[in-house]
PDB file of N, CA and C in Angstrom:
ATOM      1  N   MET A   1      34.317  17.131 -48.190  1.00  0.00           N
ATOM      2  CA  MET A   1      33.848  18.109 -47.231  1.00  0.00           C
ATOM      3  C   MET A   1      32.403  17.796 -46.860  1.00  0.00           C
ATOM      4  N   ILE A   2      32.118  17.840 -45.580  1.00  0.00           N
ATOM      5  CA  ILE A   2      30.756  17.611 -45.106  1.00  0.00           C
ATOM      6  C   ILE A   2      30.141  18.955 -44.737  1.00  0.00           C
ATOM      7  N   ILE A   3      28.996  19.235 -45.318  1.00  0.00           N
ATOM      8  CA  ILE A   3      28.277  20.464 -45.025  1.00  0.00           C
ATOM      9  C   ILE A   3      27.331  20.176 -43.862  1.00  0.00           C
ATOM     10  N   SER A   4      27.535  20.894 -42.763  1.00  0.00           N
ATOM     11  CA  SER A   4      26.779  20.620 -41.543  1.00  0.00           C
ATOM     12  C   SER A   4      25.734  21.693 -41.246  1.00  0.00           C
ATOM     13  N   ARG A   5      24.826  21.338 -40.341  1.00  0.00           N
ATOM     14  CA  ARG A   5      23.837  22.303 -39.858  1.00  0.00           C
ATOM     15  C   ARG A   5      24.553  23.479 -39.194  1.00  0.00           C
ATOM     16  N   LYS A   6      25.601  23.175 -38.442  1.00  0.00           N
ATOM     17  CA  LYS A   6      26.344  24.216 -37.725  1.00  0.00           C
ATOM     18  C   LYS A   6      26.973  25.211 -38.705  1.00  0.00           C
ATOM     19  N   MET A   7      27.508  24.711 -39.802  1.00  0.00           N
ATOM     20  CA  MET A   7      28.123  25.571 -40.815  1.00  0.00           C
ATOM     21  C   MET A   7      27.081  26.520 -41.409  1.00  0.00           C
ATOM     22  N   LEU A   8      25.940  25.988 -41.780  1.00  0.00           N
ATOM     23  CA  LEU A   8      24.883  26.804 -42.364  1.00  0.00           C
ATOM     24  C   LEU A   8      24.348  27.808 -41.348  1.00  0.00           C
ATOM     25  N   ALA A   9      24.125  27.370 -40.128  1.00  0.00           N
ATOM     26  CA  ALA A   9      23.634  28.276 -39.084  1.00  0.00           C
ATOM     27  C   ALA A   9      24.619  29.415 -38.851  1.00  0.00           C
ATOM     28  N   GLY A  10      25.904  29.110 -38.845  1.00  0.00           N
ATOM     29  CA  GLY A  10      26.921  30.139 -38.650  1.00  0.00           C
ATOM     30  C   GLY A  10      26.866  31.213 -39.719  1.00  0.00           C
ATOM     31  N   MET A  11      26.646  30.810 -40.955  1.00  0.00           N
ATOM     32  CA  MET A  11      26.561  31.785 -42.041  1.00  0.00           C
ATOM     33  C   MET A  11      25.276  32.616 -41.945  1.00  0.00           C
ATOM     34  N   LEU A  12      24.176  31.989 -41.571  1.00  0.00           N
ATOM     35  CA  LEU A  12      22.937  32.747 -41.383  1.00  0.00           C
ATOM     36  C   LEU A  12      23.087  33.767 -40.252  1.00  0.00           C
ATOM     37  N   ILE A  13      23.756  33.376 -39.186  1.00  0.00           N
ATOM     38  CA  ILE A  13      23.980  34.287 -38.061  1.00  0.00           C
ATOM     39  C   ILE A  13      24.867  35.447 -38.489  1.00  0.00           C
ATOM     40  N   LYS A  14      25.896  35.174 -39.276  1.00  0.00           N
ATOM     41  CA  LYS A  14      26.738  36.259 -39.798  1.00  0.00           C
ATOM     42  C   LYS A  14      25.905  37.233 -40.621  1.00  0.00           C
ATOM     43  N   TYR A  15      25.027  36.708 -41.442  1.00  0.00           N
ATOM     44  CA  TYR A  15      24.163  37.568 -42.255  1.00  0.00           C
ATOM     45  C   TYR A  15      23.249  38.415 -41.366  1.00  0.00           C
ATOM     46  N   LEU A  16      22.617  37.792 -40.387  1.00  0.00           N
ATOM     47  CA  LEU A  16      21.710  38.530 -39.505  1.00  0.00           C
ATOM     48  C   LEU A  16      22.434  39.603 -38.702  1.00  0.00           C
ATOM     49  N   ASN A  17      23.689  39.352 -38.365  1.00  0.00           N
ATOM     50  CA  ASN A  17      24.492  40.322 -37.618  1.00  0.00           C
ATOM     51  C   ASN A  17      25.185  41.323 -38.530  1.00  0.00           C
ATOM     52  N   ARG A  18      24.838  41.293 -39.803  1.00  0.00           N
ATOM     53  CA  ARG A  18      25.378  42.214 -40.818  1.00  0.00           C
ATOM     54  C   ARG A  18      26.893  42.099 -40.975  1.00  0.00           C
ATOM     55  N   GLU A  19      27.393  40.906 -40.763  1.00  0.00           N
ATOM     56  CA  GLU A  19      28.809  40.633 -40.987  1.00  0.00           C
ATOM     57  C   GLU A  19      29.057  40.181 -42.416  1.00  0.00           C
ATOM     58  N   MET A  20      27.985  39.943 -43.159  1.00  0.00           N
ATOM     59  CA  MET A  20      28.094  39.607 -44.577  1.00  0.00           C
ATOM     60  C   MET A  20      26.844  40.091 -45.303  1.00  0.00           C
ATOM     61  N   GLU A  21      27.019  40.375 -46.575  1.00  0.00           N
ATOM     62  CA  GLU A  21      25.923  40.858 -47.416  1.00  0.00           C
ATOM     63  C   GLU A  21      25.084  39.684 -47.919  1.00  0.00           C
ATOM     64  N   LEU A  22      23.859  39.979 -48.299  1.00  0.00           N
ATOM     65  CA  LEU A  22      22.969  38.957 -48.846  1.00  0.00           C
ATOM     66  C   LEU A  22      23.563  38.315 -50.094  1.00  0.00           C
ATOM     67  N   THR A  23      24.168  39.120 -50.958  1.00  0.00           N
ATOM     68  CA  THR A  23      24.746  38.559 -52.184  1.00  0.00           C
ATOM     69  C   THR A  23      25.859  37.570 -51.864  1.00  0.00           C
ATOM     70  N   SER A  24      26.639  37.850 -50.828  1.00  0.00           N
ATOM     71  CA  SER A  24      27.712  36.931 -50.427  1.00  0.00           C
ATOM     72  C   SER A  24      27.138  35.639 -49.867  1.00  0.00           C
ATOM     73  N   LEU A  25      26.091  35.750 -49.061  1.00  0.00           N
ATOM     74  CA  LEU A  25      25.447  34.561 -48.505  1.00  0.00           C
ATOM     75  C   LEU A  25      24.865  33.701 -49.620  1.00  0.00           C
ATOM     76  N   ALA A  26      24.183  34.333 -50.568  1.00  0.00           N
ATOM     77  CA  ALA A  26      23.579  33.596 -51.684  1.00  0.00           C
ATOM     78  C   ALA A  26      24.654  32.935 -52.541  1.00  0.00           C
ATOM     79  N   SER A  27      25.738  33.640 -52.809  1.00  0.00           N
ATOM     80  CA  SER A  27      26.839  33.072 -53.602  1.00  0.00           C
ATOM     81  C   SER A  27      27.461  31.888 -52.886  1.00  0.00           C
ATOM     82  N   TRP A  28      27.645  32.020 -51.583  1.00  0.00           N
ATOM     83  CA  TRP A  28      28.213  30.927 -50.789  1.00  0.00           C
ATOM     84  C   TRP A  28      27.303  29.698 -50.862  1.00  0.00           C
ATOM     85  N   ALA A  29      25.991  29.908 -50.719  1.00  0.00           N
ATOM     86  CA  ALA A  29      25.045  28.791 -50.773  1.00  0.00           C
ATOM     87  C   ALA A  29      25.078  28.116 -52.141  1.00  0.00           C
ATOM     88  N   GLU A  30      25.126  28.913 -53.202  1.00  0.00           N
ATOM     89  CA  GLU A  30      25.205  28.351 -54.556  1.00  0.00           C
ATOM     90  C   GLU A  30      26.483  27.540 -54.728  1.00  0.00           C
ATOM     91  N   GLU A  31      27.585  28.081 -54.241  1.00  0.00           N
ATOM     92  CA  GLU A  31      28.877  27.396 -54.352  1.00  0.00           C
ATOM     93  C   GLU A  31      28.863  26.067 -53.602  1.00  0.00           C
ATOM     94  N   MET A  32      28.264  26.046 -52.418  1.00  0.00           N
ATOM     95  CA  MET A  32      28.194  24.815 -51.629  1.00  0.00           C
ATOM     96  C   MET A  32      27.359  23.757 -52.347  1.00  0.00           C
ATOM     97  N   MET A  33      26.308  24.193 -53.038  1.00  0.00           N
ATOM     98  CA  MET A  33      25.457  23.249 -53.764  1.00  0.00           C
ATOM     99  C   MET A  33      26.188  22.649 -54.963  1.00  0.00           C
ATOM    100  N   MET A  34      27.104  23.413 -55.551  1.00  0.00           N
ATOM    101  CA  MET A  34      27.823  22.946 -56.736  1.00  0.00           C
ATOM    102  C   MET A  34      29.018  22.062 -56.400  1.00  0.00           C
ATOM    103  N   LYS A  35      29.543  22.203 -55.188  1.00  0.00           N
ATOM    104  CA  LYS A  35      30.705  21.409 -54.800  1.00  0.00           C
ATOM    105  C   LYS A  35      30.312  19.946 -54.645  1.00  0.00           C
ATOM    106  N   ASP A  36      31.300  19.111 -54.801  1.00  0.00           N
ATOM    107  CA  ASP A  36      31.079  17.678 -54.598  1.00  0.00           C
ATOM    108  C   ASP A  36      31.216  17.395 -53.103  1.00  0.00           C
ATOM    109  N   ALA A  37      30.244  17.865 -52.346  1.00  0.00           N
ATOM    110  CA  ALA A  37      30.287  17.739 -50.895  1.00  0.00           C
ATOM    111  C   ALA A  37      29.105  16.908 -50.415  1.00  0.00           C
ATOM    112  N   ASP A  38      29.221  16.422 -49.211  1.00  0.00           N
ATOM    113  CA  ASP A  38      28.153  15.639 -48.601  1.00  0.00           C
ATOM    114  C   ASP A  38      27.482  16.460 -47.514  1.00  0.00           C
ATOM    115  N   PHE A  39      26.192  16.236 -47.351  1.00  0.00           N
ATOM    116  CA  PHE A  39      25.465  16.888 -46.278  1.00  0.00           C
ATOM    117  C   PHE A  39      25.540  16.025 -45.025  1.00  0.00           C
ATOM    118  N   GLU A  40      25.471  16.667 -43.885  1.00  0.00           N
ATOM    119  CA  GLU A  40      25.498  15.989 -42.593  1.00  0.00           C
ATOM    120  C   GLU A  40      24.464  14.860 -42.577  1.00  0.00           C
ATOM    121  N   ASN A  41      24.871  13.714 -42.052  1.00  0.00           N
ATOM    122  CA  ASN A  41      23.983  12.553 -41.982  1.00  0.00           C
ATOM    123  C   ASN A  41      22.672  12.894 -41.285  1.00  0.00           C
ATOM    124  N   GLY A  42      21.580  12.456 -41.881  1.00  0.00           N
ATOM    125  CA  GLY A  42      20.265  12.641 -41.301  1.00  0.00           C
ATOM    126  C   GLY A  42      19.604  13.967 -41.626  1.00  0.00           C
ATOM    127  N   TYR A  43      20.314  14.843 -42.345  1.00  0.00           N
ATOM    128  CA  TYR A  43      19.776  16.179 -42.613  1.00  0.00           C
ATOM    129  C   TYR A  43      19.850  16.548 -44.092  1.00  0.00           C
ATOM    130  N   PHE A  44      19.973  15.555 -44.951  1.00  0.00           N
ATOM    131  CA  PHE A  44      20.150  15.830 -46.375  1.00  0.00           C
ATOM    132  C   PHE A  44      19.068  16.750 -46.927  1.00  0.00           C
ATOM    133  N   GLU A  45      17.805  16.367 -46.778  1.00  0.00           N
ATOM    134  CA  GLU A  45      16.709  17.146 -47.366  1.00  0.00           C
ATOM    135  C   GLU A  45      16.623  18.543 -46.769  1.00  0.00           C
ATOM    136  N   LEU A  46      16.740  18.648 -45.460  1.00  0.00           N
ATOM    137  CA  LEU A  46      16.683  19.952 -44.802  1.00  0.00           C
ATOM    138  C   LEU A  46      17.789  20.867 -45.308  1.00  0.00           C
ATOM    139  N   LEU A  47      19.017  20.374 -45.343  1.00  0.00           N
ATOM    140  CA  LEU A  47      20.146  21.186 -45.793  1.00  0.00           C
ATOM    141  C   LEU A  47      20.035  21.512 -47.277  1.00  0.00           C
ATOM    142  N   ARG A  48      19.707  20.527 -48.087  1.00  0.00           N
ATOM    143  CA  ARG A  48      19.581  20.758 -49.528  1.00  0.00           C
ATOM    144  C   ARG A  48      18.535  21.824 -49.820  1.00  0.00           C
ATOM    145  N   ASP A  49      17.365  21.691 -49.212  1.00  0.00           N
ATOM    146  CA  ASP A  49      16.283  22.639 -49.461  1.00  0.00           C
ATOM    147  C   ASP A  49      16.633  24.039 -48.966  1.00  0.00           C
ATOM    148  N   THR A  50      17.270  24.120 -47.812  1.00  0.00           N
ATOM    149  CA  THR A  50      17.644  25.424 -47.258  1.00  0.00           C
ATOM    150  C   THR A  50      18.716  26.082 -48.109  1.00  0.00           C
ATOM    151  N   PHE A  51      19.726  25.324 -48.514  1.00  0.00           N
ATOM    152  CA  PHE A  51      20.772  25.879 -49.380  1.00  0.00           C
ATOM    153  C   PHE A  51      20.184  26.347 -50.710  1.00  0.00           C
ATOM    154  N   ALA A  52      19.275  25.566 -51.269  1.00  0.00           N
ATOM    155  CA  ALA A  52      18.667  25.939 -52.549  1.00  0.00           C
ATOM    156  C   ALA A  52      17.899  27.251 -52.416  1.00  0.00           C
ATOM    157  N   ARG A  53      17.163  27.410 -51.349  1.00  0.00           N
ATOM    158  CA  ARG A  53      16.378  28.630 -51.129  1.00  0.00           C
ATOM    159  C   ARG A  53      17.287  29.836 -50.895  1.00  0.00           C
ATOM    160  N   ILE A  54      18.321  29.666 -50.092  1.00  0.00           N
ATOM    161  CA  ILE A  54      19.245  30.774 -49.823  1.00  0.00           C
ATOM    162  C   ILE A  54      20.011  31.142 -51.089  1.00  0.00           C
ATOM    163  N   GLY A  55      20.302  30.161 -51.917  1.00  0.00           N
ATOM    164  CA  GLY A  55      21.002  30.431 -53.171  1.00  0.00           C
ATOM    165  C   GLY A  55      20.223  31.343 -54.105  1.00  0.00           C
ATOM    166  N   LEU A  56      18.904  31.397 -53.937  1.00  0.00           N
ATOM    167  CA  LEU A  56      18.052  32.270 -54.754  1.00  0.00           C
ATOM    168  C   LEU A  56      17.737  33.598 -54.065  1.00  0.00           C
ATOM    169  N   ALA A  57      18.217  33.781 -52.856  1.00  0.00           N
ATOM    170  CA  ALA A  57      17.837  34.945 -52.050  1.00  0.00           C
ATOM    171  C   ALA A  57      18.265  36.272 -52.648  1.00  0.00           C
ATOM    172  N   ASP A  58      19.275  36.266 -53.503  1.00  0.00           N
ATOM    173  CA  ASP A  58      19.719  37.530 -54.094  1.00  0.00           C
ATOM    174  C   ASP A  58      18.886  37.925 -55.316  1.00  0.00           C
ATOM    175  N   VAL A  59      17.906  37.109 -55.667  1.00  0.00           N
ATOM    176  CA  VAL A  59      16.962  37.434 -56.741  1.00  0.00           C
ATOM    177  C   VAL A  59      15.778  38.156 -56.093  1.00  0.00           C
ATOM    178  N   ARG A  60      15.455  39.307 -56.594  1.00  0.00           N
ATOM    179  CA  ARG A  60      14.447  40.179 -55.970  1.00  0.00           C
ATOM    180  C   ARG A  60      13.135  39.459 -55.655  1.00  0.00           C
ATOM    181  N   GLU A  61      12.674  38.603 -56.542  1.00  0.00           N
ATOM    182  CA  GLU A  61      11.395  37.922 -56.352  1.00  0.00           C
ATOM    183  C   GLU A  61      11.417  36.946 -55.175  1.00  0.00           C
ATOM    184  N   PHE A  62      12.594  36.490 -54.779  1.00  0.00           N
ATOM    185  CA  PHE A  62      12.696  35.517 -53.693  1.00  0.00           C
ATOM    186  C   PHE A  62      13.074  36.191 -52.379  1.00  0.00           C
ATOM    187  N   GLY A  63      14.187  36.888 -52.342  1.00  0.00           N
ATOM    188  CA  GLY A  63      14.611  37.594 -51.138  1.00  0.00           C
ATOM    189  C   GLY A  63      14.861  36.669 -49.960  1.00  0.00           C
ATOM    190  N   LEU A  64      15.117  37.275 -48.808  1.00  0.00           N
ATOM    191  CA  LEU A  64      15.356  36.521 -47.573  1.00  0.00           C
ATOM    192  C   LEU A  64      14.884  37.395 -46.421  1.00  0.00           C
ATOM    193  N   THR A  65      13.809  37.003 -45.773  1.00  0.00           N
ATOM    194  CA  THR A  65      13.238  37.799 -44.690  1.00  0.00           C
ATOM    195  C   THR A  65      13.753  37.325 -43.338  1.00  0.00           C
ATOM    196  N   TRP A  66      13.485  38.143 -42.327  1.00  0.00           N
ATOM    197  CA  TRP A  66      13.820  37.754 -40.957  1.00  0.00           C
ATOM    198  C   TRP A  66      13.100  36.446 -40.618  1.00  0.00           C
ATOM    199  N   ASP A  67      11.831  36.338 -41.001  1.00  0.00           N
ATOM    200  CA  ASP A  67      11.072  35.120 -40.721  1.00  0.00           C
ATOM    201  C   ASP A  67      11.684  33.902 -41.400  1.00  0.00           C
ATOM    202  N   ASP A  68      12.181  34.077 -42.624  1.00  0.00           N
ATOM    203  CA  ASP A  68      12.868  32.976 -43.308  1.00  0.00           C
ATOM    204  C   ASP A  68      14.062  32.513 -42.481  1.00  0.00           C
ATOM    205  N   CYS A  69      14.889  33.465 -42.069  1.00  0.00           N
ATOM    206  CA  CYS A  69      16.089  33.131 -41.291  1.00  0.00           C
ATOM    207  C   CYS A  69      15.715  32.453 -39.981  1.00  0.00           C
ATOM    208  N   TYR A  70      14.694  32.980 -39.312  1.00  0.00           N
ATOM    209  CA  TYR A  70      14.220  32.386 -38.065  1.00  0.00           C
ATOM    210  C   TYR A  70      13.805  30.937 -38.300  1.00  0.00           C
ATOM    211  N   ASP A  71      13.007  30.717 -39.325  1.00  0.00           N
ATOM    212  CA  ASP A  71      12.529  29.363 -39.627  1.00  0.00           C
ATOM    213  C   ASP A  71      13.676  28.425 -39.980  1.00  0.00           C
ATOM    214  N   TYR A  72      14.626  28.898 -40.780  1.00  0.00           N
ATOM    215  CA  TYR A  72      15.771  28.058 -41.146  1.00  0.00           C
ATOM    216  C   TYR A  72      16.577  27.684 -39.911  1.00  0.00           C
ATOM    217  N   LEU A  73      16.882  28.671 -39.072  1.00  0.00           N
ATOM    218  CA  LEU A  73      17.673  28.398 -37.873  1.00  0.00           C
ATOM    219  C   LEU A  73      16.923  27.472 -36.921  1.00  0.00           C
ATOM    220  N   HIS A  74      15.636  27.688 -36.770  1.00  0.00           N
ATOM    221  CA  HIS A  74      14.838  26.813 -35.911  1.00  0.00           C
ATOM    222  C   HIS A  74      14.846  25.383 -36.462  1.00  0.00           C
ATOM    223  N   GLY A  75      14.691  25.244 -37.762  1.00  0.00           N
ATOM    224  CA  GLY A  75      14.731  23.929 -38.394  1.00  0.00           C
ATOM    225  C   GLY A  75      16.079  23.243 -38.255  1.00  0.00           C
ATOM    226  N   LEU A  76      17.139  24.048 -38.160  1.00  0.00           N
ATOM    227  CA  LEU A  76      18.492  23.510 -37.996  1.00  0.00           C
ATOM    228  C   LEU A  76      18.790  23.159 -36.542  1.00  0.00           C
ATOM    229  N   GLY A  77      17.831  23.430 -35.654  1.00  0.00           N
ATOM    230  CA  GLY A  77      18.002  23.063 -34.251  1.00  0.00           C
ATOM    231  C   GLY A  77      18.464  24.199 -33.357  1.00  0.00           C
ATOM    232  N   TYR A  78      18.225  25.425 -33.773  1.00  0.00           N
ATOM    233  CA  TYR A  78      18.659  26.585 -32.998  1.00  0.00           C
ATOM    234  C   TYR A  78      17.451  27.366 -32.494  1.00  0.00           C
ATOM    235  N   ASP A  79      17.560  27.868 -31.259  1.00  0.00           N
ATOM    236  CA  ASP A  79      16.565  28.764 -30.695  1.00  0.00           C
ATOM    237  C   ASP A  79      17.042  30.177 -30.991  1.00  0.00           C
ATOM    238  N   VAL A  80      16.201  30.978 -31.593  1.00  0.00           N
ATOM    239  CA  VAL A  80      16.603  32.323 -32.017  1.00  0.00           C
ATOM    240  C   VAL A  80      16.034  33.349 -31.046  1.00  0.00           C
ATOM    241  N   ARG A  81      16.928  34.197 -30.542  1.00  0.00           N
ATOM    242  CA  ARG A  81      16.532  35.294 -29.656  1.00  0.00           C
ATOM    243  C   ARG A  81      17.281  36.538 -30.090  1.00  0.00           C
ATOM    244  N   VAL A  82      16.655  37.667 -29.918  1.00  0.00           N
ATOM    245  CA  VAL A  82      17.273  38.937 -30.291  1.00  0.00           C
ATOM    246  C   VAL A  82      17.606  39.706 -29.019  1.00  0.00           C
ATOM    247  N   GLU A  83      18.821  40.233 -28.964  1.00  0.00           N
ATOM    248  CA  GLU A  83      19.221  41.114 -27.870  1.00  0.00           C
ATOM    249  C   GLU A  83      19.582  42.456 -28.473  1.00  0.00           C
ATOM    250  N   VAL A  84      19.103  43.507 -27.853  1.00  0.00           N
ATOM    251  CA  VAL A  84      19.380  44.853 -28.332  1.00  0.00           C
ATOM    252  C   VAL A  84      20.112  45.598 -27.227  1.00  0.00           C
ATOM    253  N   PHE A  85      21.218  46.259 -27.609  1.00  0.00           N
ATOM    254  CA  PHE A  85      22.029  46.999 -26.651  1.00  0.00           C
ATOM    255  C   PHE A  85      22.066  48.466 -27.035  1.00  0.00           C
ATOM    256  N   GLU A  86      21.924  49.323 -26.055  1.00  0.00           N
ATOM    257  CA  GLU A  86      22.043  50.752 -26.298  1.00  0.00           C
ATOM    258  C   GLU A  86      23.508  51.077 -26.563  1.00  0.00           C
ATOM    259  N   THR A  87      23.762  51.878 -27.596  1.00  0.00           N
ATOM    260  CA  THR A  87      25.147  52.186 -27.969  1.00  0.00           C
ATOM    261  C   THR A  87      25.568  53.600 -27.618  1.00  0.00           C
ATOM    262  N   ILE A  88      24.653  54.393 -27.095  1.00  0.00           N
ATOM    263  CA  ILE A  88      25.043  55.767 -26.733  1.00  0.00           C
ATOM    264  C   ILE A  88      24.955  55.992 -25.247  1.00  0.00           C
TER     265      ILE A  88
END
């Protein structure tokens, strides 16, 4: 299995959209690091470091802020924008 930037970005987006809990994201990142998987060519260090940091996000001292997510997504090659819609 190849772990790609797109895969990681998709999970971060799910977290930001509250489609998954922080503990689930951190567990997923830890699991990906333990699997015998390869990182996308040319992005080994970026993916490894990002997965390692997200894997610790469920520990209170580390956490995961909006700025962290923004920086990770930007580093993965994504432009981050927020849209807010009125629901009432």
